[in-house]
């Protein structure tokens, strides 16, 4: 076997390995696969200004998750743009951990009479 042929084969194998590993990483990436609410607010930054809303009926996902924030937001790619969404408003293909929202105010006049074990344990009293 000639040295040029061997170099070409090694180069080809290296290229194939890089392409394969990129494909595996793309499959392994976290993605939004479903919207949990009728309309999901799209923000410019975590706890920032709401720039748009996306309706569940028009969801043609998946949306790649680019980043997450300690405030409970995920940065997603919607088309060619990047937005932040609340983690609880979407469903992902992988478990995404979040911290408690200690100062969250839920709309409603009467408090709910149910509880979820462990919720709020991170909050200071």
PDB file of N, CA and C in Angstrom:
ATOM      1  N   UNK A   1       0.844  -1.167   0.000  1.00  0.00           N
ATOM      2  CA  UNK A   1       0.000   0.000   0.000  1.00  0.00           C
ATOM      3  C   UNK A   1       0.894   1.236   0.000  1.00  0.00           C
ATOM      4  N   UNK A   2       0.549   2.205  -0.801  1.00  0.00           N
ATOM      5  CA  UNK A   2       1.327   3.433  -0.903  1.00  0.00           C
ATOM      6  C   UNK A   2       1.042   4.347   0.291  1.00  0.00           C
ATOM      7  N   UNK A   3       2.008   5.194   0.586  1.00  0.00           N
ATOM      8  CA  UNK A   3       1.865   6.122   1.707  1.00  0.00           C
ATOM      9  C   UNK A   3       0.729   7.104   1.468  1.00  0.00           C
ATOM     10  N   UNK A   4       0.542   7.567   0.224  1.00  0.00           N
ATOM     11  CA  UNK A   4      -0.532   8.504  -0.095  1.00  0.00           C
ATOM     12  C   UNK A   4      -1.900   7.879   0.098  1.00  0.00           C
ATOM     13  N   UNK A   5      -2.033   6.607  -0.269  1.00  0.00           N
ATOM     14  CA  UNK A   5      -3.303   5.901  -0.093  1.00  0.00           C
ATOM     15  C   UNK A   5      -3.613   5.716   1.385  1.00  0.00           C
ATOM     16  N   UNK A   6      -2.597   5.355   2.156  1.00  0.00           N
ATOM     17  CA  UNK A   6      -2.777   5.168   3.598  1.00  0.00           C
ATOM     18  C   UNK A   6      -3.173   6.482   4.273  1.00  0.00           C
ATOM     19  N   UNK A   7      -2.541   7.580   3.895  1.00  0.00           N
ATOM     20  CA  UNK A   7      -2.874   8.892   4.448  1.00  0.00           C
ATOM     21  C   UNK A   7      -4.306   9.263   4.120  1.00  0.00           C
ATOM     22  N   UNK A   8      -4.724   8.989   2.900  1.00  0.00           N
ATOM     23  CA  UNK A   8      -6.086   9.284   2.470  1.00  0.00           C
ATOM     24  C   UNK A   8      -7.098   8.463   3.262  1.00  0.00           C
ATOM     25  N   UNK A   9      -6.789   7.173   3.496  1.00  0.00           N
ATOM     26  CA  UNK A   9      -7.687   6.302   4.261  1.00  0.00           C
ATOM     27  C   UNK A   9      -7.807   6.783   5.707  1.00  0.00           C
ATOM     28  N   UNK A  10      -6.667   7.136   6.321  1.00  0.00           N
ATOM     29  CA  UNK A  10      -6.684   7.604   7.703  1.00  0.00           C
ATOM     30  C   UNK A  10      -7.465   8.911   7.809  1.00  0.00           C
ATOM     31  N   UNK A  11      -7.274   9.801   6.853  1.00  0.00           N
ATOM     32  CA  UNK A  11      -8.009  11.059   6.832  1.00  0.00           C
ATOM     33  C   UNK A  11      -9.506  10.820   6.680  1.00  0.00           C
ATOM     34  N   UNK A  12      -9.869   9.900   5.821  1.00  0.00           N
ATOM     35  CA  UNK A  12     -11.283   9.561   5.624  1.00  0.00           C
ATOM     36  C   UNK A  12     -11.905   8.972   6.869  1.00  0.00           C
ATOM     37  N   UNK A  13     -11.177   8.085   7.551  1.00  0.00           N
ATOM     38  CA  UNK A  13     -11.679   7.488   8.787  1.00  0.00           C
ATOM     39  C   UNK A  13     -11.830   8.543   9.889  1.00  0.00           C
ATOM     40  N   UNK A  14     -10.890   9.461   9.967  1.00  0.00           N
ATOM     41  CA  UNK A  14     -10.983  10.528  10.971  1.00  0.00           C
ATOM     42  C   UNK A  14     -12.198  11.410  10.712  1.00  0.00           C
ATOM     43  N   UNK A  15     -12.436  11.743   9.452  1.00  0.00           N
ATOM     44  CA  UNK A  15     -13.605  12.552   9.099  1.00  0.00           C
ATOM     45  C   UNK A  15     -14.890  11.821   9.451  1.00  0.00           C
ATOM     46  N   UNK A  16     -14.951  10.531   9.155  1.00  0.00           N
ATOM     47  CA  UNK A  16     -16.146   9.741   9.473  1.00  0.00           C
ATOM     48  C   UNK A  16     -16.370   9.684  10.977  1.00  0.00           C
ATOM     49  N   UNK A  17     -15.307   9.563  11.759  1.00  0.00           N
ATOM     50  CA  UNK A  17     -15.437   9.520  13.219  1.00  0.00           C
ATOM     51  C   UNK A  17     -15.977  10.834  13.767  1.00  0.00           C
ATOM     52  N   UNK A  18     -15.497  11.946  13.231  1.00  0.00           N
ATOM     53  CA  UNK A  18     -15.979  13.256  13.676  1.00  0.00           C
ATOM     54  C   UNK A  18     -17.444  13.431  13.321  1.00  0.00           C
ATOM     55  N   UNK A  19     -17.836  13.062  12.114  1.00  0.00           N
ATOM     56  CA  UNK A  19     -19.239  13.178  11.702  1.00  0.00           C
ATOM     57  C   UNK A  19     -20.138  12.285  12.541  1.00  0.00           C
ATOM     58  N   UNK A  20     -19.694  11.064  12.829  1.00  0.00           N
ATOM     59  CA  UNK A  20     -20.480  10.153  13.646  1.00  0.00           C
ATOM     60  C   UNK A  20     -20.655  10.697  15.053  1.00  0.00           C
ATOM     61  N   UNK A  21     -19.565  11.197  15.672  1.00  0.00           N
ATOM     62  CA  UNK A  21     -19.673  11.717  17.034  1.00  0.00           C
ATOM     63  C   UNK A  21     -20.555  12.963  17.071  1.00  0.00           C
ATOM     64  N   UNK A  22     -20.525  13.792  16.027  1.00  0.00           N
ATOM     65  CA  UNK A  22     -21.405  14.967  15.965  1.00  0.00           C
ATOM     66  C   UNK A  22     -22.860  14.544  15.876  1.00  0.00           C
ATOM     67  N   UNK A  23     -23.133  13.500  15.093  1.00  0.00           N
ATOM     68  CA  UNK A  23     -24.510  13.004  14.965  1.00  0.00           C
ATOM     69  C   UNK A  23     -25.008  12.433  16.284  1.00  0.00           C
ATOM     70  N   UNK A  24     -24.146  11.722  17.000  1.00  0.00           N
ATOM     71  CA  UNK A  24     -24.529  11.163  18.304  1.00  0.00           C
ATOM     72  C   UNK A  24     -24.797  12.285  19.292  1.00  0.00           C
ATOM     73  N   UNK A  25     -23.945  13.306  19.323  1.00  0.00           N
ATOM     74  CA  UNK A  25     -24.168  14.438  20.224  1.00  0.00           C
ATOM     75  C   UNK A  25     -25.455  15.173  19.891  1.00  0.00           C
ATOM     76  N   UNK A  26     -25.770  15.316  18.601  1.00  0.00           N
ATOM     77  CA  UNK A  26     -27.002  15.996  18.207  1.00  0.00           C
ATOM     78  C   UNK A  26     -28.221  15.205  18.663  1.00  0.00           C
ATOM     79  N   UNK A  27     -28.153  13.873  18.587  1.00  0.00           N
ATOM     80  CA  UNK A  27     -29.268  13.047  19.046  1.00  0.00           C
ATOM     81  C   UNK A  27     -29.388  13.094  20.564  1.00  0.00           C
ATOM     82  N   UNK A  28     -28.263  13.273  21.252  1.00  0.00           N
ATOM     83  CA  UNK A  28     -28.208  13.244  22.697  1.00  0.00           C
ATOM     84  C   UNK A  28     -28.527  14.596  23.332  1.00  0.00           C
ATOM     85  N   UNK A  29     -28.676  15.626  22.517  1.00  0.00           N
ATOM     86  CA  UNK A  29     -28.915  16.977  23.030  1.00  0.00           C
ATOM     87  C   UNK A  29     -30.316  17.099  23.625  1.00  0.00           C
ATOM     88  N   UNK A  30     -30.450  18.007  24.581  1.00  0.00           N
ATOM     89  CA  UNK A  30     -31.752  18.263  25.192  1.00  0.00           C
ATOM     90  C   UNK A  30     -32.594  19.102  24.242  1.00  0.00           C
ATOM     91  N   UNK A  31     -33.861  18.697  24.090  1.00  0.00           N
ATOM     92  CA  UNK A  31     -34.777  19.384  23.179  1.00  0.00           C
ATOM     93  C   UNK A  31     -36.140  19.530  23.834  1.00  0.00           C
ATOM     94  N   UNK A  32     -36.819  20.620  23.496  1.00  0.00           N
ATOM     95  CA  UNK A  32     -38.221  20.781  23.887  1.00  0.00           C
ATOM     96  C   UNK A  32     -39.049  19.969  22.900  1.00  0.00           C
ATOM     97  N   UNK A  33     -39.831  19.027  23.419  1.00  0.00           N
ATOM     98  CA  UNK A  33     -40.615  18.150  22.551  1.00  0.00           C
ATOM     99  C   UNK A  33     -42.113  18.429  22.619  1.00  0.00           C
ATOM    100  N   UNK A  34     -42.540  19.231  23.614  1.00  0.00           N
ATOM    101  CA  UNK A  34     -43.973  19.488  23.773  1.00  0.00           C
ATOM    102  C   UNK A  34     -44.164  20.760  24.588  1.00  0.00           C
ATOM    103  N   UNK A  35     -45.233  21.481  24.297  1.00  0.00           N
ATOM    104  CA  UNK A  35     -45.604  22.650  25.095  1.00  0.00           C
ATOM    105  C   UNK A  35     -46.694  22.223  26.069  1.00  0.00           C
ATOM    106  N   UNK A  36     -46.516  22.500  27.345  1.00  0.00           N
ATOM    107  CA  UNK A  36     -47.469  22.064  28.367  1.00  0.00           C
ATOM    108  C   UNK A  36     -48.672  22.978  28.514  1.00  0.00           C
ATOM    109  N   UNK A  37     -48.519  24.235  28.143  1.00  0.00           N
ATOM    110  CA  UNK A  37     -49.615  25.188  28.280  1.00  0.00           C
ATOM    111  C   UNK A  37     -50.125  25.584  26.895  1.00  0.00           C
ATOM    112  N   UNK A  38     -51.322  26.161  26.858  1.00  0.00           N
ATOM    113  CA  UNK A  38     -51.915  26.568  25.573  1.00  0.00           C
ATOM    114  C   UNK A  38     -51.033  27.561  24.835  1.00  0.00           C
ATOM    115  N   UNK A  39     -50.486  28.525  25.574  1.00  0.00           N
ATOM    116  CA  UNK A  39     -49.574  29.520  25.005  1.00  0.00           C
ATOM    117  C   UNK A  39     -48.336  29.575  25.883  1.00  0.00           C
ATOM    118  N   UNK A  40     -47.187  29.565  25.248  1.00  0.00           N
ATOM    119  CA  UNK A  40     -45.926  29.662  25.973  1.00  0.00           C
ATOM    120  C   UNK A  40     -45.317  31.027  25.670  1.00  0.00           C
ATOM    121  N   UNK A  41     -44.984  31.756  26.729  1.00  0.00           N
ATOM    122  CA  UNK A  41     -44.361  33.073  26.575  1.00  0.00           C
ATOM    123  C   UNK A  41     -42.895  32.899  26.208  1.00  0.00           C
ATOM    124  N   UNK A  42     -42.430  33.708  25.245  1.00  0.00           N
ATOM    125  CA  UNK A  42     -41.037  33.720  24.823  1.00  0.00           C
ATOM    126  C   UNK A  42     -40.415  35.016  25.332  1.00  0.00           C
ATOM    127  N   UNK A  43     -39.332  34.912  26.090  1.00  0.00           N
ATOM    128  CA  UNK A  43     -38.703  36.064  26.721  1.00  0.00           C
ATOM    129  C   UNK A  43     -37.349  36.371  26.080  1.00  0.00           C
ATOM    130  N   UNK A  44     -36.911  37.635  26.209  1.00  0.00           N
ATOM    131  CA  UNK A  44     -35.619  38.040  25.669  1.00  0.00           C
ATOM    132  C   UNK A  44     -34.462  37.615  26.574  1.00  0.00           C
ATOM    133  N   UNK A  45     -34.735  37.408  27.871  1.00  0.00           N
ATOM    134  CA  UNK A  45     -33.747  36.932  28.837  1.00  0.00           C
ATOM    135  C   UNK A  45     -34.507  36.361  30.027  1.00  0.00           C
ATOM    136  N   UNK A  46     -33.842  35.603  30.909  1.00  0.00           N
ATOM    137  CA  UNK A  46     -34.538  35.092  32.096  1.00  0.00           C
ATOM    138  C   UNK A  46     -35.137  36.231  32.911  1.00  0.00           C
ATOM    139  N   UNK A  47     -36.389  36.094  33.261  1.00  0.00           N
ATOM    140  CA  UNK A  47     -37.141  37.128  33.984  1.00  0.00           C
ATOM    141  C   UNK A  47     -37.124  38.458  33.248  1.00  0.00           C
ATOM    142  N   UNK A  48     -37.007  38.400  31.931  1.00  0.00           N
ATOM    143  CA  UNK A  48     -36.942  39.614  31.124  1.00  0.00           C
ATOM    144  C   UNK A  48     -38.286  39.974  30.515  1.00  0.00           C
ATOM    145  N   UNK A  49     -38.217  40.698  29.418  1.00  0.00           N
ATOM    146  CA  UNK A  49     -39.406  41.183  28.725  1.00  0.00           C
ATOM    147  C   UNK A  49     -39.977  40.069  27.826  1.00  0.00           C
ATOM    148  N   UNK A  50     -41.301  39.911  27.898  1.00  0.00           N
ATOM    149  CA  UNK A  50     -41.962  38.941  27.028  1.00  0.00           C
ATOM    150  C   UNK A  50     -41.998  39.521  25.612  1.00  0.00           C
ATOM    151  N   UNK A  51     -41.372  38.824  24.681  1.00  0.00           N
ATOM    152  CA  UNK A  51     -41.292  39.334  23.315  1.00  0.00           C
ATOM    153  C   UNK A  51     -42.332  38.725  22.390  1.00  0.00           C
ATOM    154  N   UNK A  52     -42.841  37.537  22.741  1.00  0.00           N
ATOM    155  CA  UNK A  52     -43.836  36.872  21.895  1.00  0.00           C
ATOM    156  C   UNK A  52     -44.492  35.747  22.676  1.00  0.00           C
ATOM    157  N   UNK A  53     -45.519  35.174  22.085  1.00  0.00           N
ATOM    158  CA  UNK A  53     -46.164  33.970  22.612  1.00  0.00           C
ATOM    159  C   UNK A  53     -46.210  32.937  21.496  1.00  0.00           C
ATOM    160  N   UNK A  54     -46.127  31.668  21.886  1.00  0.00           N
ATOM    161  CA  UNK A  54     -46.185  30.594  20.901  1.00  0.00           C
ATOM    162  C   UNK A  54     -47.322  29.664  21.296  1.00  0.00           C
ATOM    163  N   UNK A  55     -48.227  29.395  20.381  1.00  0.00           N
ATOM    164  CA  UNK A  55     -49.388  28.557  20.675  1.00  0.00           C
ATOM    165  C   UNK A  55     -49.035  27.079  20.534  1.00  0.00           C
ATOM    166  N   UNK A  56     -49.599  26.272  21.437  1.00  0.00           N
ATOM    167  CA  UNK A  56     -49.320  24.832  21.438  1.00  0.00           C
ATOM    168  C   UNK A  56     -49.733  24.188  20.115  1.00  0.00           C
ATOM    169  N   UNK A  57     -50.852  24.636  19.523  1.00  0.00           N
ATOM    170  CA  UNK A  57     -51.331  24.045  18.265  1.00  0.00           C
ATOM    171  C   UNK A  57     -50.364  24.267  17.109  1.00  0.00           C
ATOM    172  N   UNK A  58     -49.549  25.306  17.177  1.00  0.00           N
ATOM    173  CA  UNK A  58     -48.620  25.635  16.086  1.00  0.00           C
ATOM    174  C   UNK A  58     -47.219  25.080  16.312  1.00  0.00           C
ATOM    175  N   UNK A  59     -47.017  24.357  17.423  1.00  0.00           N
ATOM    176  CA  UNK A  59     -45.702  23.811  17.747  1.00  0.00           C
ATOM    177  C   UNK A  59     -45.312  22.733  16.741  1.00  0.00           C
ATOM    178  N   UNK A  60     -44.184  22.929  16.089  1.00  0.00           N
ATOM    179  CA  UNK A  60     -43.673  21.973  15.107  1.00  0.00           C
ATOM    180  C   UNK A  60     -42.283  21.505  15.521  1.00  0.00           C
ATOM    181  N   UNK A  61     -42.042  21.379  16.811  1.00  0.00           N
ATOM    182  CA  UNK A  61     -40.732  21.077  17.397  1.00  0.00           C
ATOM    183  C   UNK A  61     -40.008  19.926  16.757  1.00  0.00           C
ATOM    184  N   UNK A  62     -38.957  19.500  17.337  1.00  0.00           N
ATOM    185  CA  UNK A  62     -38.442  19.940  18.624  1.00  0.00           C
ATOM    186  C   UNK A  62     -37.633  21.226  18.526  1.00  0.00           C
ATOM    187  N   UNK A  63     -37.543  21.919  19.665  1.00  0.00           N
ATOM    188  CA  UNK A  63     -36.700  23.111  19.784  1.00  0.00           C
ATOM    189  C   UNK A  63     -35.434  22.705  20.525  1.00  0.00           C
ATOM    190  N   UNK A  64     -34.261  22.940  19.963  1.00  0.00           N
ATOM    191  CA  UNK A  64     -33.019  22.645  20.698  1.00  0.00           C
ATOM    192  C   UNK A  64     -32.866  23.557  21.914  1.00  0.00           C
ATOM    193  N   UNK A  65     -32.467  22.979  23.037  1.00  0.00           N
ATOM    194  CA  UNK A  65     -32.188  23.753  24.243  1.00  0.00           C
ATOM    195  C   UNK A  65     -30.724  24.159  24.198  1.00  0.00           C
ATOM    196  N   UNK A  66     -30.464  25.459  24.243  1.00  0.00           N
ATOM    197  CA  UNK A  66     -29.116  26.001  24.130  1.00  0.00           C
ATOM    198  C   UNK A  66     -28.483  26.202  25.504  1.00  0.00           C
ATOM    199  N   UNK A  67     -29.300  26.653  26.468  1.00  0.00           N
ATOM    200  CA  UNK A  67     -28.765  27.000  27.785  1.00  0.00           C
ATOM    201  C   UNK A  67     -29.892  26.928  28.805  1.00  0.00           C
ATOM    202  N   UNK A  68     -29.534  26.977  30.082  1.00  0.00           N
ATOM    203  CA  UNK A  68     -30.532  27.072  31.151  1.00  0.00           C
ATOM    204  C   UNK A  68     -30.053  28.106  32.152  1.00  0.00           C
ATOM    205  N   UNK A  69     -30.995  28.625  32.930  1.00  0.00           N
ATOM    206  CA  UNK A  69     -30.652  29.654  33.908  1.00  0.00           C
ATOM    207  C   UNK A  69     -31.064  29.201  35.303  1.00  0.00           C
ATOM    208  N   UNK A  70     -30.426  29.752  36.339  1.00  0.00           N
ATOM    209  CA  UNK A  70     -30.819  29.410  37.705  1.00  0.00           C
ATOM    210  C   UNK A  70     -32.208  29.914  38.076  1.00  0.00           C
ATOM    211  N   UNK A  71     -32.751  30.834  37.271  1.00  0.00           N
ATOM    212  CA  UNK A  71     -34.085  31.372  37.540  1.00  0.00           C
ATOM    213  C   UNK A  71     -35.200  30.465  37.031  1.00  0.00           C
ATOM    214  N   UNK A  72     -34.872  29.308  36.445  1.00  0.00           N
ATOM    215  CA  UNK A  72     -35.885  28.375  35.967  1.00  0.00           C
ATOM    216  C   UNK A  72     -36.286  28.586  34.522  1.00  0.00           C
ATOM    217  N   UNK A  73     -35.395  29.113  33.705  1.00  0.00           N
ATOM    218  CA  UNK A  73     -35.669  29.326  32.286  1.00  0.00           C
ATOM    219  C   UNK A  73     -34.757  28.459  31.433  1.00  0.00           C
ATOM    220  N   UNK A  74     -35.236  28.131  30.237  1.00  0.00           N
ATOM    221  CA  UNK A  74     -34.431  27.440  29.224  1.00  0.00           C
ATOM    222  C   UNK A  74     -34.297  28.343  28.014  1.00  0.00           C
ATOM    223  N   UNK A  75     -33.102  28.430  27.453  1.00  0.00           N
ATOM    224  CA  UNK A  75     -32.920  29.161  26.198  1.00  0.00           C
ATOM    225  C   UNK A  75     -33.093  28.157  25.070  1.00  0.00           C
ATOM    226  N   UNK A  76     -34.005  28.464  24.147  1.00  0.00           N
ATOM    227  CA  UNK A  76     -34.320  27.556  23.046  1.00  0.00           C
ATOM    228  C   UNK A  76     -34.170  28.262  21.707  1.00  0.00           C
ATOM    229  N   UNK A  77     -33.963  27.468  20.670  1.00  0.00           N
ATOM    230  CA  UNK A  77     -33.935  27.991  19.314  1.00  0.00           C
ATOM    231  C   UNK A  77     -35.288  27.741  18.675  1.00  0.00           C
ATOM    232  N   UNK A  78     -35.948  28.823  18.273  1.00  0.00           N
ATOM    233  CA  UNK A  78     -37.224  28.748  17.581  1.00  0.00           C
ATOM    234  C   UNK A  78     -36.979  29.353  16.208  1.00  0.00           C
ATOM    235  N   UNK A  79     -36.887  28.497  15.205  1.00  0.00           N
ATOM    236  CA  UNK A  79     -36.510  28.980  13.879  1.00  0.00           C
ATOM    237  C   UNK A  79     -35.074  29.456  13.917  1.00  0.00           C
ATOM    238  N   UNK A  80     -34.852  30.694  13.506  1.00  0.00           N
ATOM    239  CA  UNK A  80     -33.508  31.266  13.513  1.00  0.00           C
ATOM    240  C   UNK A  80     -33.247  32.142  14.736  1.00  0.00           C
ATOM    241  N   UNK A  81     -34.210  32.243  15.632  1.00  0.00           N
ATOM    242  CA  UNK A  81     -34.083  33.132  16.793  1.00  0.00           C
ATOM    243  C   UNK A  81     -33.928  32.319  18.078  1.00  0.00           C
ATOM    244  N   UNK A  82     -33.357  32.964  19.099  1.00  0.00           N
ATOM    245  CA  UNK A  82     -33.226  32.352  20.421  1.00  0.00           C
ATOM    246  C   UNK A  82     -34.084  33.107  21.420  1.00  0.00           C
ATOM    247  N   UNK A  83     -34.816  32.345  22.223  1.00  0.00           N
ATOM    248  CA  UNK A  83     -35.689  32.904  23.249  1.00  0.00           C
ATOM    249  C   UNK A  83     -35.477  32.133  24.543  1.00  0.00           C
ATOM    250  N   UNK A  84     -35.998  32.689  25.621  1.00  0.00           N
ATOM    251  CA  UNK A  84     -36.017  32.020  26.921  1.00  0.00           C
ATOM    252  C   UNK A  84     -37.463  31.649  27.241  1.00  0.00           C
ATOM    253  N   UNK A  85     -37.677  30.441  27.747  1.00  0.00           N
ATOM    254  CA  UNK A  85     -39.005  29.965  28.152  1.00  0.00           C
ATOM    255  C   UNK A  85     -38.908  29.424  29.574  1.00  0.00           C
ATOM    256  N   UNK A  86     -40.030  29.475  30.277  1.00  0.00           N
ATOM    257  CA  UNK A  86     -40.063  28.900  31.630  1.00  0.00           C
ATOM    258  C   UNK A  86     -40.040  27.377  31.513  1.00  0.00           C
ATOM    259  N   UNK A  87     -39.255  26.740  32.385  1.00  0.00           N
ATOM    260  CA  UNK A  87     -39.109  25.288  32.326  1.00  0.00           C
ATOM    261  C   UNK A  87     -40.427  24.556  32.524  1.00  0.00           C
ATOM    262  N   UNK A  88     -41.283  25.073  33.406  1.00  0.00           N
ATOM    263  CA  UNK A  88     -42.534  24.367  33.673  1.00  0.00           C
ATOM    264  C   UNK A  88     -43.522  24.443  32.510  1.00  0.00           C
ATOM    265  N   UNK A  89     -43.300  25.343  31.550  1.00  0.00           N
ATOM    266  CA  UNK A  89     -44.232  25.515  30.434  1.00  0.00           C
ATOM    267  C   UNK A  89     -43.942  24.572  29.273  1.00  0.00           C
ATOM    268  N   UNK A  90     -42.808  23.868  29.332  1.00  0.00           N
ATOM    269  CA  UNK A  90     -42.427  22.979  28.228  1.00  0.00           C
ATOM    270  C   UNK A  90     -42.043  21.605  28.764  1.00  0.00           C
ATOM    271  N   UNK A  91     -42.061  20.631  27.869  1.00  0.00           N
ATOM    272  CA  UNK A  91     -41.621  19.276  28.192  1.00  0.00           C
ATOM    273  C   UNK A  91     -40.398  18.970  27.343  1.00  0.00           C
ATOM    274  N   UNK A  92     -39.362  18.425  27.963  1.00  0.00           N
ATOM    275  CA  UNK A  92     -38.125  18.114  27.251  1.00  0.00           C
ATOM    276  C   UNK A  92     -37.928  16.600  27.151  1.00  0.00           C
ATOM    277  N   UNK A  93     -37.021  16.205  26.256  1.00  0.00           N
ATOM    278  CA  UNK A  93     -36.730  14.784  26.090  1.00  0.00           C
ATOM    279  C   UNK A  93     -35.854  14.244  27.216  1.00  0.00           C
ATOM    280  N   UNK A  94     -35.289  15.119  28.042  1.00  0.00           N
ATOM    281  CA  UNK A  94     -34.471  14.734  29.186  1.00  0.00           C
ATOM    282  C   UNK A  94     -34.925  15.511  30.410  1.00  0.00           C
ATOM    283  N   UNK A  95     -34.613  14.988  31.577  1.00  0.00           N
ATOM    284  CA  UNK A  95     -34.949  15.673  32.821  1.00  0.00           C
ATOM    285  C   UNK A  95     -34.074  16.911  32.948  1.00  0.00           C
ATOM    286  N   UNK A  96     -34.709  18.039  33.228  1.00  0.00           N
ATOM    287  CA  UNK A  96     -34.001  19.298  33.446  1.00  0.00           C
ATOM    288  C   UNK A  96     -34.296  19.726  34.877  1.00  0.00           C
ATOM    289  N   UNK A  97     -33.261  19.834  35.682  1.00  0.00           N
ATOM    290  CA  UNK A  97     -33.418  20.222  37.091  1.00  0.00           C
ATOM    291  C   UNK A  97     -33.572  21.731  37.207  1.00  0.00           C
ATOM    292  N   UNK A  98     -34.350  22.143  38.170  1.00  0.00           N
ATOM    293  CA  UNK A  98     -34.548  23.561  38.426  1.00  0.00           C
ATOM    294  C   UNK A  98     -34.539  23.796  39.922  1.00  0.00           C
ATOM    295  N   UNK A  99     -34.401  25.034  40.308  1.00  0.00           N
ATOM    296  CA  UNK A  99     -34.463  25.386  41.722  1.00  0.00           C
ATOM    297  C   UNK A  99     -35.854  25.912  42.040  1.00  0.00           C
ATOM    298  N   UNK A 100     -36.150  26.024  43.298  1.00  0.00           N
ATOM    299  CA  UNK A 100     -37.472  26.482  43.737  1.00  0.00           C
ATOM    300  C   UNK A 100     -37.676  27.956  43.420  1.00  0.00           C
ATOM    301  N   UNK A 101     -38.922  28.310  43.124  1.00  0.00           N
ATOM    302  CA  UNK A 101     -39.302  29.712  42.960  1.00  0.00           C
ATOM    303  C   UNK A 101     -39.899  30.160  44.285  1.00  0.00           C
ATOM    304  N   UNK A 102     -39.073  30.700  45.131  1.00  0.00           N
ATOM    305  CA  UNK A 102     -39.497  31.025  46.492  1.00  0.00           C
ATOM    306  C   UNK A 102     -40.437  32.223  46.568  1.00  0.00           C
ATOM    307  N   UNK A 103     -40.290  33.155  45.671  1.00  0.00           N
ATOM    308  CA  UNK A 103     -41.119  34.348  45.740  1.00  0.00           C
ATOM    309  C   UNK A 103     -42.224  34.349  44.693  1.00  0.00           C
ATOM    310  N   UNK A 104     -42.527  33.194  44.138  1.00  0.00           N
ATOM    311  CA  UNK A 104     -43.542  33.116  43.095  1.00  0.00           C
ATOM    312  C   UNK A 104     -44.921  33.428  43.663  1.00  0.00           C
ATOM    313  N   UNK A 105     -45.680  34.216  42.946  1.00  0.00           N
ATOM    314  CA  UNK A 105     -47.041  34.545  43.331  1.00  0.00           C
ATOM    315  C   UNK A 105     -47.964  33.950  42.277  1.00  0.00           C
ATOM    316  N   UNK A 106     -48.882  33.108  42.714  1.00  0.00           N
ATOM    317  CA  UNK A 106     -49.800  32.449  41.801  1.00  0.00           C
ATOM    318  C   UNK A 106     -51.122  33.195  41.835  1.00  0.00           C
ATOM    319  N   UNK A 107     -51.675  33.455  40.656  1.00  0.00           N
ATOM    320  CA  UNK A 107     -52.941  34.178  40.580  1.00  0.00           C
ATOM    321  C   UNK A 107     -54.047  33.360  41.223  1.00  0.00           C
ATOM    322  N   UNK A 108     -54.922  34.004  41.911  1.00  0.00           N
ATOM    323  CA  UNK A 108     -56.036  33.334  42.561  1.00  0.00           C
ATOM    324  C   UNK A 108     -56.280  33.929  43.933  1.00  0.00           C
ATOM    325  N   UNK A 109     -57.511  33.877  44.375  1.00  0.00           N
ATOM    326  CA  UNK A 109     -57.856  34.487  45.651  1.00  0.00           C
ATOM    327  C   UNK A 109     -57.737  33.509  46.807  1.00  0.00           C
ATOM    328  N   UNK A 110     -58.114  32.273  46.588  1.00  0.00           N
ATOM    329  CA  UNK A 110     -58.086  31.282  47.649  1.00  0.00           C
ATOM    330  C   UNK A 110     -56.841  30.408  47.510  1.00  0.00           C
ATOM    331  N   UNK A 111     -56.147  30.124  48.612  1.00  0.00           N
ATOM    332  CA  UNK A 111     -54.986  29.231  48.534  1.00  0.00           C
ATOM    333  C   UNK A 111     -55.435  27.805  48.223  1.00  0.00           C
ATOM    334  N   UNK A 112     -54.593  27.083  47.539  1.00  0.00           N
ATOM    335  CA  UNK A 112     -54.891  25.690  47.218  1.00  0.00           C
ATOM    336  C   UNK A 112     -54.769  24.844  48.482  1.00  0.00           C
ATOM    337  N   UNK A 113     -55.543  23.776  48.560  1.00  0.00           N
ATOM    338  CA  UNK A 113     -55.538  22.921  49.738  1.00  0.00           C
ATOM    339  C   UNK A 113     -54.783  21.630  49.463  1.00  0.00           C
ATOM    340  N   UNK A 114     -53.737  21.679  48.644  1.00  0.00           N
ATOM    341  CA  UNK A 114     -52.951  20.493  48.343  1.00  0.00           C
ATOM    342  C   UNK A 114     -51.481  20.850  48.452  1.00  0.00           C
ATOM    343  N   UNK A 115     -50.636  19.845  48.490  1.00  0.00           N
ATOM    344  CA  UNK A 115     -49.198  20.097  48.605  1.00  0.00           C
ATOM    345  C   UNK A 115     -48.431  19.041  47.827  1.00  0.00           C
ATOM    346  N   UNK A 116     -47.213  19.393  47.479  1.00  0.00           N
ATOM    347  CA  UNK A 116     -46.308  18.449  46.849  1.00  0.00           C
ATOM    348  C   UNK A 116     -45.098  18.325  47.753  1.00  0.00           C
ATOM    349  N   UNK A 117     -44.773  17.114  48.122  1.00  0.00           N
ATOM    350  CA  UNK A 117     -43.684  16.891  49.053  1.00  0.00           C
ATOM    351  C   UNK A 117     -42.362  17.426  48.502  1.00  0.00           C
ATOM    352  N   UNK A 118     -41.663  18.189  49.300  1.00  0.00           N
ATOM    353  CA  UNK A 118     -40.346  18.699  48.931  1.00  0.00           C
ATOM    354  C   UNK A 118     -40.344  20.061  48.277  1.00  0.00           C
ATOM    355  N   UNK A 119     -41.496  20.521  47.798  1.00  0.00           N
ATOM    356  CA  UNK A 119     -41.547  21.821  47.134  1.00  0.00           C
ATOM    357  C   UNK A 119     -41.320  22.913  48.173  1.00  0.00           C
ATOM    358  N   UNK A 120     -40.414  23.815  47.893  1.00  0.00           N
ATOM    359  CA  UNK A 120     -40.157  24.942  48.777  1.00  0.00           C
ATOM    360  C   UNK A 120     -39.162  24.665  49.887  1.00  0.00           C
ATOM    361  N   UNK A 121     -38.624  23.449  49.973  1.00  0.00           N
ATOM    362  CA  UNK A 121     -37.654  23.154  51.024  1.00  0.00           C
ATOM    363  C   UNK A 121     -36.373  23.960  50.864  1.00  0.00           C
ATOM    364  N   UNK A 122     -36.104  24.420  49.634  1.00  0.00           N
ATOM    365  CA  UNK A 122     -34.894  25.209  49.384  1.00  0.00           C
ATOM    366  C   UNK A 122     -35.079  26.658  49.823  1.00  0.00           C
ATOM    367  N   UNK A 123     -36.314  27.098  50.009  1.00  0.00           N
ATOM    368  CA  UNK A 123     -36.587  28.498  50.324  1.00  0.00           C
ATOM    369  C   UNK A 123     -36.266  28.789  51.796  1.00  0.00           C
ATOM    370  N   UNK A 124     -35.733  29.987  52.027  1.00  0.00           N
ATOM    371  CA  UNK A 124     -35.451  30.417  53.386  1.00  0.00           C
ATOM    372  C   UNK A 124     -36.740  30.881  54.030  1.00  0.00           C
ATOM    373  N   UNK A 125     -36.865  30.638  55.306  1.00  0.00           N
ATOM    374  CA  UNK A 125     -38.108  31.011  56.007  1.00  0.00           C
ATOM    375  C   UNK A 125     -37.948  32.276  56.754  1.00  0.00           C
TER     376      UNK A 125
END
